[in-house]
Amino acid sequence: MTSDETGPETGPEPSTPVPIKAVPLRHPWRWISAALVLVLVFLFVWGAATNPAYRWDTYGRYLFDTRFGMAVFYTVALTVLSMILAVILGVILSVMRMSENPVLKAVAWVYLWIFRGTPIYVQLLFWGLIFTLYRQIQFGIPFTDLTFVRFEDTMVLYSAFWLAVIGLAMNEAAYMAEIVRAGISSVPEGQSEASTALGMSRAQTMRRTVLPQAMRVIIPPTGNELISMLKTTSLVVAIPFSGELYGQARDISGVNFQPIPLLLVAATWYLVITSVLMVGQHYLEKRFSRGATRQLTARQLRVMAEADGVTPSAIMSATGREKGGAQ
């Protein structure tokens, strides 16, 4: 059989492509810098562990002392009570700032101007002297002799703990007001309009529609403010109140003249409480962020898999393919 009978000659068979041998990119400086940082950290830890000035024996003796246990209680109590009052007052101030009433808006603005513009330590000093400024308090009708309540000596009302709570809360409320206002402003106006169309009042719209959606914006900075409040409690010695961690460390070091190990004890307990608060903040943010992302949780995947009779991995791969096709 000739070539004419077999048809046109075909070209040579295409050669098989040679597989590409991928060589990972090396980062020598990354490893060098990491090793250098680890060496510096080790040298610092070793130097601190072997430095007798730290008095680690004193540190270990006072770490679980009952006085510091009580100081932890007072620190947490100051933080929680002050933050609760600050959140309540901050919500009220934020609503006043966003009100159409010029008087309420002006009062809220002046409050924020004063408490954000002066140092917290100075404010606590004034709260410690409040009953020196006002020796007598009376409530009645002005310019008349009619009096409902009268305190001849206000010093009987003096309580350093509650003055510290009020002072911290009044200062923090100014910051919480701006955080809440930012969260409320982040909610689209259409949500409020839809609630109004359903017959909800302004208060119902704020409570049922706006605030639940604003929590996704409010929670993260509020968690930061809570941790900051924990550390700000060390300034209540200005009132004076020395029952919290720093005040207790200062009082004990004034007796044994070893401030460094006692400050380390206070710092350790601050770190422990802060770590617990950070874990709580993480789960709280996770709870209020539900529905804000299209990524399915493990529980949602499990429920969908049980309903469809497939494995969760199959749903995850199908979801990934849909996202890739949409892109």
Foldseek 3Di string as FASTA:
>chain_A
DDPVVVPDDDDDDDDDDDDDDDDDDDDVVVVVVVVVVVVVVVVVVVCVVPDCLLVVVVLVVCLPDVLQVQQLVLLVVLLVLLLVLLLVLLQVLLCLCVDPDPVSVVVSVVLLCVLVVDDLLVLLLCLLCVCVVPQKDWDDDPPDPGTDDIDNGCCVVDDLSVSSSVSSNSNSSSVLNVQLNVLLVVDDVVQVVVCVVVVDDPVCSVVPTRVLNSCLSNLPVSLVVSLVSSVCSLSSCSSNDQSHQNSSLVVVCVPVVSSNSSVVSSVVSSVVVNVVSVVVSVVVSVVSCPPVDPDDDPVRLVVVCVVVVHHSVVVVVVVVVVVVVVD
